[in-house]
Amino acid sequence: MIRHYEAIGLIPKAARRDSGYRDYDEREVHMLRFIRRARDLGFPIPEIAQLVALWQDGDRASGEVKALALARAREMERKERELRAMRKSLEDLARRCAGGDRPDCPILDDLAIEAP
């Protein structure tokens, strides 16, 4: 993942040791931890790039950061609703399926329905 971050310019290319291994200073390690924490909170790479830029900008407006966080939270709520609906559909289909040795299966029948 770190190579990808370097390739897209999210982090600067690290210095290399004689052995070829990357050599990070404390500032770079701090940045990698910042990025990982942002990823753990669900931010996608483009938004992480914005957060990194804001983090490094001493003149930033915290309102921009708050707006990004609230937008991400709203997106998570939307996805959560979708996942709940999907789970309910799967549970409903599973309840209708006998699950025995018979070949008929409402789950497969539902999946095979052609969209209009």
C-alpha atoms as a PDB file:
ATOM      1  CA  MET A   1       0.000   0.000   0.000  1.00  0.00           C
ATOM      2  CA  ILE A   2       2.865   2.354   0.787  1.00  0.00           C
ATOM      3  CA  ARG A   3       4.222   1.936  -2.746  1.00  0.00           C
ATOM      4  CA  HIS A   4       0.801   2.909  -4.055  1.00  0.00           C
ATOM      5  CA  TYR A   5       0.745   6.002  -1.837  1.00  0.00           C
ATOM      6  CA  GLU A   6       4.143   6.963  -3.238  1.00  0.00           C
ATOM      7  CA  ALA A   7       3.065   6.269  -6.824  1.00  0.00           C
ATOM      8  CA  ILE A   8       0.001   8.514  -6.575  1.00  0.00           C
ATOM      9  CA  GLY A   9       1.901  11.239  -4.750  1.00  0.00           C
ATOM     10  CA  LEU A  10       0.047  10.941  -1.455  1.00  0.00           C
ATOM     11  CA  ILE A  11       3.400  10.630   0.305  1.00  0.00           C
ATOM     12  CA  PRO A  12       6.850  11.558  -0.948  1.00  0.00           C
ATOM     13  CA  LYS A  13       9.156   8.783  -2.098  1.00  0.00           C
ATOM     14  CA  ALA A  14      11.124   7.522   0.865  1.00  0.00           C
ATOM     15  CA  ALA A  15      14.880   7.522   1.032  1.00  0.00           C
ATOM     16  CA  ARG A  16      16.461   4.120   0.509  1.00  0.00           C
ATOM     17  CA  ARG A  17      19.104   2.368   2.535  1.00  0.00           C
ATOM     18  CA  ASP A  18      22.015   0.657   0.825  1.00  0.00           C
ATOM     19  CA  SER A  19      20.053  -2.574   1.172  1.00  0.00           C
ATOM     20  CA  GLY A  20      17.210  -1.053  -0.882  1.00  0.00           C
ATOM     21  CA  TYR A  21      14.772  -0.897   2.009  1.00  0.00           C
ATOM     22  CA  ARG A  22      12.801   2.293   2.518  1.00  0.00           C
ATOM     23  CA  ASP A  23      14.037   4.524   5.305  1.00  0.00           C
ATOM     24  CA  TYR A  24      11.376   6.720   6.901  1.00  0.00           C
ATOM     25  CA  ASP A  25      12.006   9.566   9.286  1.00  0.00           C
ATOM     26  CA  GLU A  26       9.633  10.354  12.161  1.00  0.00           C
ATOM     27  CA  ARG A  27       7.668  12.900  10.124  1.00  0.00           C
ATOM     28  CA  GLU A  28       7.006  10.344   7.367  1.00  0.00           C
ATOM     29  CA  VAL A  29       5.988   7.688   9.892  1.00  0.00           C
ATOM     30  CA  HIS A  30       3.607  10.211  11.463  1.00  0.00           C
ATOM     31  CA  MET A  31       2.110  10.910   8.025  1.00  0.00           C
ATOM     32  CA  LEU A  32       1.677   7.173   7.341  1.00  0.00           C
ATOM     33  CA  ARG A  33      -0.109   6.777  10.679  1.00  0.00           C
ATOM     34  CA  PHE A  34      -2.334   9.745   9.834  1.00  0.00           C
ATOM     35  CA  ILE A  35      -3.216   8.121   6.494  1.00  0.00           C
ATOM     36  CA  ARG A  36      -3.878   4.756   8.099  1.00  0.00           C
ATOM     37  CA  ARG A  37      -6.159   6.321  10.708  1.00  0.00           C
ATOM     38  CA  ALA A  38      -8.065   8.152   7.964  1.00  0.00           C
ATOM     39  CA  ARG A  39      -8.419   4.858   6.051  1.00  0.00           C
ATOM     40  CA  ASP A  40      -9.607   3.127   9.227  1.00  0.00           C
ATOM     41  CA  LEU A  41     -12.302   5.803   9.522  1.00  0.00           C
ATOM     42  CA  GLY A  42     -13.497   5.017   5.998  1.00  0.00           C
ATOM     43  CA  PHE A  43     -12.052   7.914   4.032  1.00  0.00           C
ATOM     44  CA  PRO A  44     -11.195   7.035   0.416  1.00  0.00           C
ATOM     45  CA  ILE A  45      -7.824   8.046  -1.047  1.00  0.00           C
ATOM     46  CA  PRO A  46      -9.012  11.292  -2.715  1.00  0.00           C
ATOM     47  CA  GLU A  47     -10.458  12.522   0.573  1.00  0.00           C
ATOM     48  CA  ILE A  48      -7.354  11.404   2.450  1.00  0.00           C
ATOM     49  CA  ALA A  49      -5.301  13.527   0.063  1.00  0.00           C
ATOM     50  CA  GLN A  50      -7.528  16.484   0.962  1.00  0.00           C
ATOM     51  CA  LEU A  51      -7.139  15.745   4.669  1.00  0.00           C
ATOM     52  CA  VAL A  52      -3.351  15.498   4.369  1.00  0.00           C
ATOM     53  CA  ALA A  53      -3.261  18.836   2.549  1.00  0.00           C
ATOM     54  CA  LEU A  54      -5.461  20.425   5.207  1.00  0.00           C
ATOM     55  CA  TRP A  55      -3.385  18.873   7.995  1.00  0.00           C
ATOM     56  CA  GLN A  56      -0.217  20.348   6.529  1.00  0.00           C
ATOM     57  CA  ASP A  57      -1.800  23.767   5.961  1.00  0.00           C
ATOM     58  CA  GLY A  58      -1.369  25.860   9.079  1.00  0.00           C
ATOM     59  CA  ASP A  59      -3.896  28.380   7.722  1.00  0.00           C
ATOM     60  CA  ARG A  60      -6.609  25.787   7.146  1.00  0.00           C
ATOM     61  CA  ALA A  61     -10.184  26.363   8.152  1.00  0.00           C
ATOM     62  CA  SER A  62     -11.362  23.597  10.464  1.00  0.00           C
ATOM     63  CA  GLY A  63     -14.780  23.939   8.843  1.00  0.00           C
ATOM     64  CA  GLU A  64     -13.405  22.240   5.728  1.00  0.00           C
ATOM     65  CA  VAL A  65     -12.230  19.286   7.789  1.00  0.00           C
ATOM     66  CA  LYS A  66     -15.571  19.085   9.589  1.00  0.00           C
ATOM     67  CA  ALA A  67     -17.429  19.171   6.263  1.00  0.00           C
ATOM     68  CA  LEU A  68     -15.351  16.245   4.965  1.00  0.00           C
ATOM     69  CA  ALA A  69     -15.991  14.253   8.144  1.00  0.00           C
ATOM     70  CA  LEU A  70     -19.737  14.909   8.091  1.00  0.00           C
ATOM     71  CA  ALA A  71     -19.980  14.054   4.387  1.00  0.00           C
ATOM     72  CA  ARG A  72     -18.167  10.762   5.040  1.00  0.00           C
ATOM     73  CA  ALA A  73     -20.524  10.011   7.949  1.00  0.00           C
ATOM     74  CA  ARG A  74     -23.565  10.657   5.717  1.00  0.00           C
ATOM     75  CA  GLU A  75     -22.126   8.351   3.052  1.00  0.00           C
ATOM     76  CA  MET A  76     -21.617   5.663   5.694  1.00  0.00           C
ATOM     77  CA  GLU A  77     -25.238   6.057   6.806  1.00  0.00           C
ATOM     78  CA  ARG A  78     -26.393   5.635   3.203  1.00  0.00           C
ATOM     79  CA  LYS A  79     -24.286   2.492   2.770  1.00  0.00           C
ATOM     80  CA  GLU A  80     -25.507   1.156   6.098  1.00  0.00           C
ATOM     81  CA  ARG A  81     -29.139   1.508   4.934  1.00  0.00           C
ATOM     82  CA  GLU A  82     -28.261  -0.309   1.699  1.00  0.00           C
ATOM     83  CA  LEU A  83     -26.550  -3.122   3.606  1.00  0.00           C
ATOM     84  CA  ARG A  84     -29.524  -3.512   5.947  1.00  0.00           C
ATOM     85  CA  ALA A  85     -31.883  -3.746   2.971  1.00  0.00           C
ATOM     86  CA  MET A  86     -29.629  -6.309   1.314  1.00  0.00           C
ATOM     87  CA  ARG A  87     -29.427  -8.373   4.515  1.00  0.00           C
ATOM     88  CA  LYS A  88     -33.220  -8.278   4.892  1.00  0.00           C
ATOM     89  CA  SER A  89     -33.651  -9.457   1.294  1.00  0.00           C
ATOM     90  CA  LEU A  90     -31.211 -12.316   1.827  1.00  0.00           C
ATOM     91  CA  GLU A  91     -32.863 -13.344   5.086  1.00  0.00           C
ATOM     92  CA  ASP A  92     -36.308 -13.268   3.415  1.00  0.00           C
ATOM     93  CA  LEU A  93     -35.054 -15.395   0.535  1.00  0.00           C
ATOM     94  CA  ALA A  94     -33.368 -17.839   2.915  1.00  0.00           C
ATOM     95  CA  ARG A  95     -36.611 -18.205   4.935  1.00  0.00           C
ATOM     96  CA  ARG A  96     -38.464 -19.165   1.746  1.00  0.00           C
ATOM     97  CA  CYS A  97     -35.887 -21.795   0.808  1.00  0.00           C
ATOM     98  CA  ALA A  98     -36.482 -25.287   2.221  1.00  0.00           C
ATOM     99  CA  GLY A  99     -32.767 -25.976   2.102  1.00  0.00           C
ATOM    100  CA  GLY A 100     -33.198 -29.721   1.746  1.00  0.00           C
ATOM    101  CA  ASP A 101     -32.381 -32.119  -1.078  1.00  0.00           C
ATOM    102  CA  ARG A 102     -35.042 -30.721  -3.420  1.00  0.00           C
ATOM    103  CA  PRO A 103     -33.795 -28.834  -6.461  1.00  0.00           C
ATOM    104  CA  ASP A 104     -36.285 -25.964  -6.230  1.00  0.00           C
ATOM    105  CA  CYS A 105     -34.738 -22.892  -4.654  1.00  0.00           C
ATOM    106  CA  PRO A 106     -36.397 -19.482  -4.286  1.00  0.00           C
ATOM    107  CA  ILE A 107     -32.987 -17.884  -3.850  1.00  0.00           C
ATOM    108  CA  LEU A 108     -31.803 -19.019  -7.283  1.00  0.00           C
ATOM    109  CA  ASP A 109     -35.211 -18.221  -8.786  1.00  0.00           C
ATOM    110  CA  ASP A 110     -34.965 -14.666  -7.485  1.00  0.00           C
ATOM    111  CA  LEU A 111     -31.405 -14.258  -8.765  1.00  0.00           C
ATOM    112  CA  ALA A 112     -32.469 -15.512 -12.190  1.00  0.00           C
ATOM    113  CA  ILE A 113     -35.198 -12.881 -12.649  1.00  0.00           C
ATOM    114  CA  GLU A 114     -34.313 -10.668 -15.580  1.00  0.00           C
ATOM    115  CA  ALA A 115     -34.287  -6.962 -14.925  1.00  0.00           C
ATOM    116  CA  PRO A 116     -36.751  -4.909 -16.973  1.00  0.00           C
END
